[in-house]
Amino acid sequence: MATAAVQSTLFDVQGGRSVARRSRGAETTAALAVAIFFLRVSWRAVYVHLSSDEMMNIYWYWEPGAWKVAAAHILFWRPMIRPMGGLYYLPLFHTFGFNPWPYTAARLAILLFVSLLLVRLGARLTGSLTSATLAVMVVAYHPELVSLTHNGSFIYDILCAGFYFGALLYYLRCRDSGLRLTLGQSSAFLALYICALNSKEMAVSLPVMVCAYEVLEASRGTRNIATIAGRFLKHVGPLAAAVVITTLFIIFKTYGPDGLAQIDVYRPVFTWTRFAVSSQRFLNTIFCTTRFRTWSVLAVWALLLYFGIHKRNRRLLLLLVWVVATPLPLNFIPPHGAGCIYIPLVGWSMIVAIASEALAHRIAREPLFAWLPEGAAVVSILAAALFYYTSATAFRHDGMARECFRNGEKTWNTIEQFRNLPFRPPPGSRIAFVDDPFPKGWDTLFIAKLWWEDRSLQIFLQNQQHLAASELAGMDYVFDFSQGRLTRR
């Protein structure tokens, strides 16, 4: 990890080729450091099984077929939920079936790419490649994000974050010139945004981030409201289009007849109590503590706002918008999986990294470090802080990993039972499963249809549908799970 100040264009091109070469060298060093760290903390994930939720996920896209999944990406307001997951699951399923290793390898590769992308975005937002690298490493080892590497059902969070970071980074790069985005640039930005929405709903906060950036840029060097408004309106086109897309998405995808709001666990409750409780839960989860209360959450936000305004630090103000706005799609719904904190956690990690690097620079000027160049001392201090962080959270990190390993055991055992069946039912067969190993879910139905890859089969689960004896007698096949083994009656 190398210390390097990052200008608005990621590196200062005014110094000629030598400066650009040194910056590229620093970026390469940072990327290698992040890649090595990521693989070091994540490699054990290759041994996990497919999680129970992944049976539902794969079935979700297999049942309508590839063409409908592809169409849902363009007609993003249509009922199909999170169609981007289909581009991940369907090729893997059709090529590898239920072999979990390719799924894990693909997921880790995508997450590593997102982490490297985040280094570049973080360097722009923090103004320091060192802070960006530290922030990405902190995120990579966060105990609550073990689910991203060890649980395949969180692929939606990974895809959403990747397109979210990519869209924001692309927008910032296009704005380096100070000119309006061209039609092609605007289209590319909006396409990335739609891909993020097609991955997971929490991407709806991206227009807020773009709006905050434009307001902060418009207010650079002036307090005149008319000047700020004129500058802002000059670049409002892509933002306005993103707002329209967001509105359509919320109307049809969230509150439409088949929208997420029709599902109890996704139905929002817009109250101060729900917002306050969720906000303190997010901070307690992110900082691995139980100390945050509503008043302390508000105090932290107010403190960041004060320092941002007092120091005229636009980077800090933009990151404040990040940590407040990105959880909003989750603030008013019941608690969900830990992977949901991925995007908000990135904002907090960048704030902590900025503060840590500033403190490290102060310490590096002490006589104790006089024998080291300041840059080397800063890197050494931050490396020691990262080592302490990983050591302090290692027990919780490993516990979360063990829980993920246990998650897919029952699913894998059921798949093995189907693998050992000596026959394949003919098309159109009526099949009932009695006492299947998932008494509260439909996993056996998903596995059966996917294993036989036959949409014409009629699958019934006794635990869910409570068939009468006469109905069971009319089935072509009746299976039971006796002592953990799938047997035909």
Protein backbone atom coordinates (compact mmCIF):
# COMPACT_ATOMS: atom_id res chain seq x y z
CA MET A 1 0.00 0.00 0.00
CA ALA A 2 1.52 3.28 -1.04
CA THR A 3 0.72 6.80 0.10
CA ALA A 4 -0.47 8.95 -2.78
CA ALA A 5 -2.58 12.07 -2.90
CA VAL A 6 -5.29 11.78 -5.50
CA GLN A 7 -6.60 14.79 -7.37
CA SER A 8 -9.99 15.06 -9.03
CA THR A 9 -8.59 13.20 -12.04
CA LEU A 10 -7.22 10.39 -9.85
CA PHE A 11 -3.63 11.49 -10.44
CA ASP A 12 -1.96 14.81 -11.14
CA VAL A 13 -1.16 14.86 -14.84
CA GLN A 14 0.45 18.30 -14.60
CA GLY A 15 3.76 16.84 -13.51
CA GLY A 16 4.32 14.99 -16.76
CA ARG A 17 4.99 11.36 -17.47
CA SER A 18 7.06 10.69 -14.36
CA VAL A 19 4.23 11.72 -12.03
CA ALA A 20 1.72 9.68 -14.02
CA ARG A 21 4.08 6.70 -13.95
CA ARG A 22 4.53 6.96 -10.18
CA SER A 23 0.75 7.21 -9.73
CA ARG A 24 0.17 4.14 -11.88
CA GLY A 25 2.75 2.33 -9.81
CA ALA A 26 0.95 3.33 -6.61
CA GLU A 27 -2.38 2.18 -8.06
CA THR A 28 -0.88 -1.17 -9.06
CA THR A 29 0.61 -1.62 -5.59
CA ALA A 30 -2.71 -0.79 -3.97
CA ALA A 31 -4.57 -3.19 -6.28
CA LEU A 32 -2.12 -6.01 -5.52
CA ALA A 33 -2.37 -5.36 -1.80
CA VAL A 34 -6.18 -5.46 -1.93
CA ALA A 35 -6.21 -8.60 -4.09
CA ILE A 36 -3.78 -10.47 -1.81
CA PHE A 37 -5.67 -9.40 1.31
CA PHE A 38 -9.02 -10.34 -0.21
CA LEU A 39 -7.88 -13.80 -1.29
CA ARG A 40 -6.20 -14.37 2.06
CA VAL A 41 -9.39 -13.74 4.03
CA SER A 42 -11.84 -15.31 1.54
CA TRP A 43 -10.25 -18.43 0.04
CA ARG A 44 -11.99 -20.85 2.44
CA ALA A 45 -15.31 -19.91 0.84
CA VAL A 46 -14.54 -22.35 -2.00
CA TYR A 47 -15.65 -25.15 0.34
CA VAL A 48 -19.18 -23.86 0.98
CA HIS A 49 -22.25 -25.57 -0.48
CA LEU A 50 -25.07 -23.86 -2.33
CA SER A 51 -27.24 -22.14 0.27
CA SER A 52 -30.90 -23.00 0.78
CA ASP A 53 -32.05 -19.67 -0.70
CA GLU A 54 -30.12 -20.34 -3.89
CA MET A 55 -32.49 -23.14 -4.84
CA MET A 56 -35.28 -20.60 -4.90
CA ASN A 57 -33.08 -18.07 -6.72
CA ILE A 58 -32.12 -20.47 -9.51
CA TYR A 59 -35.70 -21.70 -9.87
CA TRP A 60 -36.89 -18.09 -9.98
CA TYR A 61 -35.03 -17.56 -13.28
CA TRP A 62 -35.15 -21.10 -14.69
CA GLU A 63 -38.96 -21.32 -14.59
CA PRO A 64 -39.74 -18.32 -16.89
CA GLY A 65 -36.75 -19.03 -19.12
CA ALA A 66 -33.75 -17.08 -20.37
CA TRP A 67 -35.64 -14.92 -22.89
CA LYS A 68 -38.04 -13.48 -20.30
CA VAL A 69 -35.13 -12.85 -17.95
CA ALA A 70 -33.26 -11.02 -20.72
CA ALA A 71 -36.34 -8.94 -21.61
CA ALA A 72 -36.75 -7.91 -17.96
CA HIS A 73 -33.40 -6.11 -18.12
CA ILE A 74 -34.70 -3.74 -20.78
CA LEU A 75 -38.26 -3.50 -19.46
CA PHE A 76 -36.93 -2.92 -15.95
CA TRP A 77 -40.34 -1.88 -14.63
CA ARG A 78 -41.84 -5.31 -15.37
CA PRO A 79 -42.75 -7.61 -12.43
CA MET A 80 -39.67 -9.87 -12.50
CA ILE A 81 -37.62 -9.09 -9.38
CA ARG A 82 -33.84 -8.61 -9.64
CA PRO A 83 -33.35 -9.97 -13.17
CA MET A 84 -29.60 -9.33 -13.02
CA GLY A 85 -29.38 -12.41 -10.82
CA GLY A 86 -30.53 -14.43 -13.81
CA LEU A 87 -27.42 -13.46 -15.78
CA TYR A 88 -25.40 -14.92 -12.93
CA TYR A 89 -27.39 -18.04 -12.11
CA LEU A 90 -28.66 -19.33 -15.46
CA PRO A 91 -25.29 -19.73 -17.28
CA LEU A 92 -23.77 -21.36 -14.19
CA PHE A 93 -26.72 -23.72 -13.70
CA HIS A 94 -26.93 -24.78 -17.34
CA THR A 95 -23.17 -25.38 -17.43
CA PHE A 96 -22.40 -26.82 -13.99
CA GLY A 97 -25.74 -27.86 -12.51
CA PHE A 98 -25.54 -28.08 -8.72
CA ASN A 99 -21.74 -28.12 -8.48
CA PRO A 100 -21.14 -25.37 -5.90
CA TRP A 101 -17.49 -24.63 -6.74
CA PRO A 102 -18.05 -22.68 -10.01
CA TYR A 103 -20.71 -20.55 -8.30
CA THR A 104 -18.30 -19.66 -5.51
CA ALA A 105 -15.41 -19.02 -7.88
CA ALA A 106 -17.58 -16.70 -10.00
CA ARG A 107 -18.92 -14.90 -6.93
CA LEU A 108 -15.43 -14.33 -5.48
CA ALA A 109 -14.13 -13.13 -8.84
CA ILE A 110 -16.98 -10.62 -9.13
CA LEU A 111 -16.48 -9.44 -5.54
CA LEU A 112 -12.73 -9.03 -6.08
CA PHE A 113 -13.42 -6.97 -9.20
CA VAL A 114 -15.88 -4.81 -7.23
CA SER A 115 -13.24 -4.33 -4.50
CA LEU A 116 -10.66 -3.17 -7.05
CA LEU A 117 -13.25 -0.86 -8.62
CA LEU A 118 -13.93 0.51 -5.15
CA VAL A 119 -10.25 1.37 -4.72
CA ARG A 120 -10.52 3.73 -7.68
CA LEU A 121 -13.82 5.21 -6.53
CA GLY A 122 -12.55 5.54 -2.97
CA ALA A 123 -9.42 7.32 -4.16
CA ARG A 124 -11.58 9.96 -5.81
CA LEU A 125 -13.95 10.38 -2.88
CA THR A 126 -11.32 10.41 -0.11
CA GLY A 127 -8.58 12.21 -2.04
CA SER A 128 -6.06 9.54 -1.04
CA LEU A 129 -5.15 6.18 -2.52
CA THR A 130 -3.93 5.12 0.92
CA SER A 131 -7.27 5.89 2.57
CA ALA A 132 -9.11 4.15 -0.24
CA THR A 133 -6.99 1.00 0.10
CA LEU A 134 -7.44 0.92 3.87
CA ALA A 135 -11.21 1.41 3.51
CA VAL A 136 -11.53 -1.46 1.03
CA MET A 137 -9.54 -3.80 3.31
CA VAL A 138 -11.71 -2.88 6.28
CA VAL A 139 -14.82 -3.68 4.25
CA ALA A 140 -13.33 -6.96 2.99
CA TYR A 141 -12.76 -8.26 6.52
CA HIS A 142 -15.91 -6.95 8.17
CA PRO A 143 -17.51 -9.88 10.06
CA GLU A 144 -21.02 -9.11 8.83
CA LEU A 145 -19.87 -9.26 5.21
CA VAL A 146 -18.62 -12.83 5.48
CA SER A 147 -22.00 -13.62 3.92
CA LEU A 148 -20.89 -11.98 0.66
CA THR A 149 -18.05 -14.45 0.20
CA HIS A 150 -19.51 -17.50 1.94
CA ASN A 151 -23.22 -17.36 1.06
CA GLY A 152 -24.22 -17.34 -2.59
CA SER A 153 -27.69 -15.90 -1.96
CA PHE A 154 -26.05 -12.50 -1.35
CA ILE A 155 -24.93 -12.23 -4.95
CA TYR A 156 -27.59 -9.53 -5.41
CA ASP A 157 -25.78 -7.25 -2.95
CA ILE A 158 -22.48 -7.82 -4.77
CA LEU A 159 -23.95 -7.11 -8.21
CA CYS A 160 -25.85 -4.07 -6.98
CA ALA A 161 -22.77 -2.60 -5.31
CA GLY A 162 -20.62 -3.27 -8.36
CA PHE A 163 -22.94 -1.44 -10.75
CA TYR A 164 -23.59 1.28 -8.15
CA PHE A 165 -19.88 1.97 -7.68
CA GLY A 166 -19.26 1.67 -11.41
CA ALA A 167 -22.03 4.12 -12.30
CA LEU A 168 -20.85 6.68 -9.75
CA LEU A 169 -17.20 6.33 -10.76
CA TYR A 170 -18.08 6.65 -14.44
CA TYR A 171 -20.14 9.77 -13.75
CA LEU A 172 -17.30 11.39 -11.78
CA ARG A 173 -14.79 10.59 -14.53
CA CYS A 174 -17.07 12.10 -17.17
CA ARG A 175 -17.42 15.24 -15.06
CA ASP A 176 -13.64 15.73 -14.84
CA SER A 177 -13.80 17.91 -17.95
CA GLY A 178 -16.29 20.25 -16.31
CA LEU A 179 -18.53 19.89 -19.36
CA ARG A 180 -22.01 18.41 -19.66
CA LEU A 181 -22.18 14.68 -20.20
CA THR A 182 -22.70 13.83 -23.86
CA LEU A 183 -25.71 11.78 -24.91
CA GLY A 184 -23.51 8.68 -25.11
CA GLN A 185 -22.01 9.28 -21.67
CA SER A 186 -25.43 9.92 -20.15
CA SER A 187 -26.79 6.74 -21.74
CA ALA A 188 -23.87 4.69 -20.39
CA PHE A 189 -24.35 6.11 -16.89
CA LEU A 190 -28.08 5.41 -16.95
CA ALA A 191 -27.49 1.89 -18.28
CA LEU A 192 -25.17 1.17 -15.34
CA TYR A 193 -27.78 2.59 -12.98
CA ILE A 194 -30.52 0.39 -14.45
CA CYS A 195 -28.20 -2.62 -14.05
CA ALA A 196 -27.79 -1.69 -10.38
CA LEU A 197 -31.58 -1.44 -9.96
CA ASN A 198 -31.98 -4.79 -11.74
CA SER A 199 -29.60 -6.26 -9.17
CA LYS A 200 -31.21 -4.96 -5.99
CA GLU A 201 -33.60 -2.23 -4.94
CA MET A 202 -31.20 -0.39 -2.64
CA ALA A 203 -29.57 1.20 -5.71
CA VAL A 204 -32.36 3.82 -5.70
CA SER A 205 -30.11 6.07 -3.57
CA LEU A 206 -27.68 6.70 -6.46
CA PRO A 207 -29.52 9.81 -7.79
CA VAL A 208 -29.21 11.29 -4.29
CA MET A 209 -25.44 10.84 -4.43
CA VAL A 210 -25.23 12.40 -7.89
CA CYS A 211 -27.42 15.30 -6.77
CA ALA A 212 -25.25 15.89 -3.69
CA TYR A 213 -22.10 15.86 -5.84
CA GLU A 214 -23.56 18.40 -8.27
CA VAL A 215 -24.72 20.70 -5.46
CA LEU A 216 -21.29 20.60 -3.84
CA GLU A 217 -19.57 21.23 -7.18
CA ALA A 218 -21.95 24.05 -8.02
CA SER A 219 -21.22 25.78 -4.71
CA ARG A 220 -17.45 25.63 -5.18
CA GLY A 221 -16.02 29.14 -4.71
CA THR A 222 -19.36 30.92 -4.32
CA ARG A 223 -22.31 31.37 -1.98
CA ASN A 224 -24.52 33.12 -4.50
CA ILE A 225 -27.73 31.11 -4.83
CA ALA A 226 -28.35 32.16 -8.42
CA THR A 227 -24.84 31.12 -9.46
CA ILE A 228 -25.15 27.79 -7.68
CA ALA A 229 -28.55 27.14 -9.28
CA GLY A 230 -27.22 28.01 -12.73
CA ARG A 231 -24.23 25.69 -12.39
CA PHE A 232 -26.43 22.90 -11.04
CA LEU A 233 -29.02 23.18 -13.81
CA LYS A 234 -26.27 23.05 -16.42
CA HIS A 235 -25.59 19.41 -15.49
CA VAL A 236 -29.07 18.34 -14.38
CA GLY A 237 -29.94 16.26 -17.48
CA PRO A 238 -28.58 12.81 -16.48
CA LEU A 239 -29.75 13.36 -12.91
CA ALA A 240 -33.29 14.20 -14.06
CA ALA A 241 -33.36 11.08 -16.24
CA ALA A 242 -32.15 8.99 -13.28
CA VAL A 243 -34.94 10.44 -11.12
CA VAL A 244 -37.53 9.48 -13.76
CA ILE A 245 -36.13 5.95 -13.92
CA THR A 246 -36.20 5.74 -10.12
CA THR A 247 -39.80 6.91 -10.02
CA LEU A 248 -40.90 4.31 -12.56
CA PHE A 249 -38.98 1.63 -10.70
CA ILE A 250 -40.58 2.48 -7.35
CA ILE A 251 -44.10 2.73 -8.79
CA PHE A 252 -44.04 -0.54 -10.73
CA LYS A 253 -41.36 -2.66 -9.05
CA THR A 254 -42.12 -1.73 -5.45
CA TYR A 255 -45.80 -0.79 -5.31
CA GLY A 256 -47.12 -2.50 -8.43
CA PRO A 257 -49.49 -5.51 -8.27
CA ASP A 258 -46.52 -7.91 -8.07
CA GLY A 259 -44.15 -5.46 -6.37
CA LEU A 260 -41.96 -6.13 -3.38
CA ALA A 261 -44.23 -4.11 -1.10
CA GLN A 262 -46.82 -6.88 -1.47
CA ILE A 263 -44.45 -9.15 0.52
CA ASP A 264 -44.64 -8.62 4.28
CA VAL A 265 -40.86 -8.59 4.85
CA TYR A 266 -40.45 -5.85 2.22
CA ARG A 267 -43.46 -3.71 3.11
CA PRO A 268 -42.21 -0.30 4.34
CA VAL A 269 -43.56 1.43 7.43
CA PHE A 270 -42.78 5.15 7.23
CA THR A 271 -42.49 6.17 10.87
CA TRP A 272 -39.81 7.99 12.88
CA THR A 273 -39.56 5.01 15.22
CA ARG A 274 -38.76 2.59 12.37
CA PHE A 275 -36.17 5.04 10.98
CA ALA A 276 -34.53 5.65 14.36
CA VAL A 277 -34.36 1.97 15.31
CA SER A 278 -32.95 0.91 11.94
CA SER A 279 -30.39 3.74 11.89
CA GLN A 280 -28.95 2.75 15.26
CA ARG A 281 -29.03 -0.92 14.21
CA PHE A 282 -27.00 -0.13 11.09
CA LEU A 283 -24.33 1.75 13.03
CA ASN A 284 -24.13 -0.92 15.72
CA THR A 285 -23.70 -3.55 13.01
CA ILE A 286 -21.14 -1.53 11.05
CA PHE A 287 -19.02 -0.68 14.09
CA CYS A 288 -19.47 -4.11 15.74
CA THR A 289 -20.89 -2.64 18.94
CA THR A 290 -24.15 -2.22 20.84
CA ARG A 291 -23.52 1.29 22.16
CA PHE A 292 -25.25 3.41 19.54
CA ARG A 293 -28.61 4.91 20.42
CA THR A 294 -30.74 7.30 18.40
CA TRP A 295 -29.26 10.37 20.05
CA SER A 296 -25.69 9.21 19.44
CA VAL A 297 -26.43 8.44 15.77
CA LEU A 298 -27.78 11.96 15.32
CA ALA A 299 -24.78 13.36 17.22
CA VAL A 300 -22.32 11.60 14.91
CA TRP A 301 -24.14 12.91 11.84
CA ALA A 302 -24.19 16.43 13.31
CA LEU A 303 -20.47 16.24 14.11
CA LEU A 304 -19.62 15.21 10.55
CA LEU A 305 -21.81 18.02 9.21
CA TYR A 306 -20.08 20.54 11.48
CA PHE A 307 -16.57 19.48 10.44
CA GLY A 308 -17.57 19.37 6.78
CA ILE A 309 -18.94 22.92 6.85
CA HIS A 310 -16.34 24.35 9.24
CA LYS A 311 -13.41 22.91 7.28
CA ARG A 312 -15.17 23.43 3.92
CA ASN A 313 -14.44 19.80 3.23
CA ARG A 314 -16.65 18.78 0.32
CA ARG A 315 -15.34 15.22 0.42
CA LEU A 316 -16.55 14.79 3.99
CA LEU A 317 -19.93 16.36 3.18
CA LEU A 318 -20.40 14.02 0.21
CA LEU A 319 -19.52 11.01 2.38
CA LEU A 320 -21.98 12.26 5.01
CA VAL A 321 -24.70 12.17 2.35
CA TRP A 322 -23.49 8.65 1.47
CA VAL A 323 -23.84 7.26 5.01
CA VAL A 324 -27.23 8.92 5.56
CA ALA A 325 -28.81 8.33 2.14
CA THR A 326 -27.65 4.84 1.14
CA PRO A 327 -29.43 3.05 4.02
CA LEU A 328 -32.73 4.86 3.32
CA PRO A 329 -34.16 2.08 1.08
CA LEU A 330 -33.70 -0.25 4.07
CA ASN A 331 -34.58 2.09 6.93
CA PHE A 332 -38.32 1.54 6.78
CA ILE A 333 -38.56 -2.23 6.14
CA PRO A 334 -37.97 -5.10 8.57
CA PRO A 335 -34.33 -6.17 9.16
CA HIS A 336 -32.73 -8.18 6.38
CA GLY A 337 -29.48 -10.06 5.83
CA ALA A 338 -26.12 -8.58 6.78
CA GLY A 339 -25.13 -8.13 3.14
CA CYS A 340 -27.48 -5.14 2.99
CA ILE A 341 -24.94 -3.01 4.86
CA TYR A 342 -22.35 -3.35 2.07
CA ILE A 343 -22.92 0.02 0.40
CA PRO A 344 -23.49 2.03 3.65
CA LEU A 345 -20.44 0.34 5.20
CA VAL A 346 -18.25 1.57 2.34
CA GLY A 347 -19.12 5.18 3.17
CA TRP A 348 -18.34 4.77 6.86
CA SER A 349 -15.11 2.93 6.05
CA MET A 350 -13.95 5.81 3.87
CA ILE A 351 -14.70 8.33 6.64
CA VAL A 352 -12.79 6.22 9.18
CA ALA A 353 -9.92 5.74 6.73
CA ILE A 354 -9.61 9.50 6.14
CA ALA A 355 -9.49 10.14 9.89
CA SER A 356 -7.04 7.28 10.43
CA GLU A 357 -4.65 8.54 7.75
CA ALA A 358 -4.77 12.08 9.16
CA LEU A 359 -3.96 10.73 12.61
CA ALA A 360 -1.21 8.51 11.19
CA HIS A 361 0.43 11.55 9.56
CA ARG A 362 0.47 13.34 12.92
CA ILE A 363 2.01 10.33 14.66
CA ALA A 364 4.54 9.85 11.85
CA ARG A 365 5.99 13.31 12.59
CA GLU A 366 6.86 12.29 16.15
CA PRO A 367 10.57 11.73 16.98
CA LEU A 368 9.90 8.01 17.35
CA PHE A 369 9.51 7.74 13.58
CA ALA A 370 12.23 10.22 12.60
CA TRP A 371 14.32 7.43 11.08
CA LEU A 372 11.55 6.58 8.57
CA PRO A 373 10.28 8.61 5.62
CA GLU A 374 6.86 10.00 6.53
CA GLY A 375 5.09 7.98 3.84
CA ALA A 376 6.60 4.72 5.05
CA ALA A 377 5.75 5.59 8.65
CA VAL A 378 2.13 6.32 7.74
CA VAL A 379 1.78 3.02 5.91
CA SER A 380 3.36 1.15 8.85
CA ILE A 381 1.00 2.79 11.35
CA LEU A 382 -2.07 2.04 9.22
CA ALA A 383 -0.90 -1.54 8.67
CA ALA A 384 -0.62 -1.96 12.44
CA ALA A 385 -4.13 -0.53 12.86
CA LEU A 386 -5.46 -2.94 10.22
CA PHE A 387 -3.76 -5.86 11.98
CA TYR A 388 -5.41 -4.84 15.26
CA TYR A 389 -8.81 -4.59 13.54
CA THR A 390 -8.53 -8.05 11.99
CA SER A 391 -7.33 -9.55 15.27
CA ALA A 392 -10.13 -7.92 17.28
CA THR A 393 -12.83 -9.14 14.89
CA ALA A 394 -11.31 -12.54 13.97
CA PHE A 395 -13.45 -14.56 16.40
CA ARG A 396 -16.67 -13.02 15.15
CA HIS A 397 -15.49 -13.30 11.54
CA ASP A 398 -14.74 -17.02 11.91
CA GLY A 399 -18.05 -17.62 13.68
CA MET A 400 -19.97 -16.07 10.81
CA ALA A 401 -18.01 -18.23 8.36
CA ARG A 402 -18.86 -21.43 10.28
CA GLU A 403 -22.54 -20.46 10.22
CA CYS A 404 -22.38 -20.09 6.44
CA PHE A 405 -20.80 -23.53 6.09
CA ARG A 406 -23.68 -25.05 8.06
CA ASN A 407 -26.26 -23.18 5.99
CA GLY A 408 -26.01 -25.37 2.91
CA GLU A 409 -25.53 -28.80 4.46
CA LYS A 410 -29.18 -29.81 4.36
CA THR A 411 -29.55 -28.54 0.80
CA TRP A 412 -26.49 -30.48 -0.36
CA ASN A 413 -27.71 -33.67 1.34
CA THR A 414 -31.07 -33.36 -0.43
CA ILE A 415 -29.36 -32.84 -3.78
CA GLU A 416 -27.31 -35.99 -3.16
CA GLN A 417 -30.52 -37.92 -2.47
CA PHE A 418 -31.88 -36.91 -5.88
CA ARG A 419 -28.56 -37.81 -7.47
CA ASN A 420 -28.93 -41.38 -6.14
CA LEU A 421 -32.43 -41.93 -7.52
CA PRO A 422 -32.31 -44.73 -10.12
CA PHE A 423 -34.90 -43.24 -12.49
CA ARG A 424 -36.28 -40.06 -14.05
CA PRO A 425 -40.05 -39.44 -14.02
CA PRO A 426 -41.66 -39.01 -17.44
CA PRO A 427 -42.96 -35.56 -18.49
CA GLY A 428 -46.26 -34.50 -16.94
CA SER A 429 -45.90 -36.78 -13.90
CA ARG A 430 -47.68 -35.88 -10.66
CA ILE A 431 -45.23 -36.24 -7.76
CA ALA A 432 -45.77 -35.77 -4.03
CA PHE A 433 -43.14 -35.49 -1.31
CA VAL A 434 -44.12 -36.46 2.21
CA ASP A 435 -42.13 -35.31 5.25
CA ASP A 436 -39.48 -33.57 3.19
CA PRO A 437 -36.47 -32.08 5.05
CA PHE A 438 -37.68 -28.47 4.62
CA PRO A 439 -40.98 -28.45 6.57
CA LYS A 440 -41.37 -24.66 6.39
CA GLY A 441 -40.21 -24.06 2.84
CA TRP A 442 -40.53 -25.05 -0.81
CA ASP A 443 -36.89 -26.04 -1.29
CA THR A 444 -37.69 -29.65 -2.17
CA LEU A 445 -39.97 -28.50 -5.00
CA PHE A 446 -37.24 -26.22 -6.36
CA ILE A 447 -34.60 -28.95 -6.17
CA ALA A 448 -36.85 -31.58 -7.77
CA LYS A 449 -37.81 -29.42 -10.74
CA LEU A 450 -34.28 -28.18 -11.27
CA TRP A 451 -32.74 -31.65 -10.91
CA TRP A 452 -35.08 -33.17 -13.48
CA GLU A 453 -35.18 -29.92 -15.52
CA ASP A 454 -38.76 -30.54 -16.56
CA ARG A 455 -41.31 -27.71 -16.28
CA SER A 456 -44.18 -30.10 -17.04
CA LEU A 457 -43.79 -31.99 -13.75
CA GLN A 458 -46.45 -31.29 -11.13
CA ILE A 459 -44.76 -31.27 -7.73
CA PHE A 460 -46.70 -31.32 -4.46
CA LEU A 461 -45.31 -30.92 -0.94
CA GLN A 462 -47.37 -32.50 1.80
CA ASN A 463 -45.90 -30.18 4.43
CA GLN A 464 -47.20 -27.15 2.53
CA GLN A 465 -50.34 -28.35 0.76
CA HIS A 466 -51.68 -30.99 3.20
CA LEU A 467 -52.98 -33.40 0.60
CA ALA A 468 -55.77 -35.81 1.51
CA ALA A 469 -55.16 -39.55 1.32
CA SER A 470 -57.26 -39.78 -1.85
CA GLU A 471 -55.10 -37.10 -3.50
CA LEU A 472 -51.92 -38.91 -2.54
CA ALA A 473 -53.36 -42.10 -4.00
CA GLY A 474 -53.81 -40.33 -7.34
CA MET A 475 -50.14 -39.37 -7.63
CA ASP A 476 -47.84 -41.07 -10.11
CA TYR A 477 -45.02 -41.04 -7.58
CA VAL A 478 -44.95 -40.49 -3.82
CA PHE A 479 -41.60 -39.96 -2.08
CA ASP A 480 -40.76 -39.91 1.59
CA PHE A 481 -37.68 -38.80 3.50
CA SER A 482 -37.25 -41.63 5.96
CA GLN A 483 -34.32 -41.25 8.35
CA GLY A 484 -32.73 -38.67 6.08
CA ARG A 485 -33.05 -40.81 2.94
CA LEU A 486 -35.28 -40.13 -0.07
CA THR A 487 -37.33 -43.26 -0.77
CA ARG A 488 -40.25 -44.06 -3.02
CA ARG A 489 -43.39 -45.40 -1.41
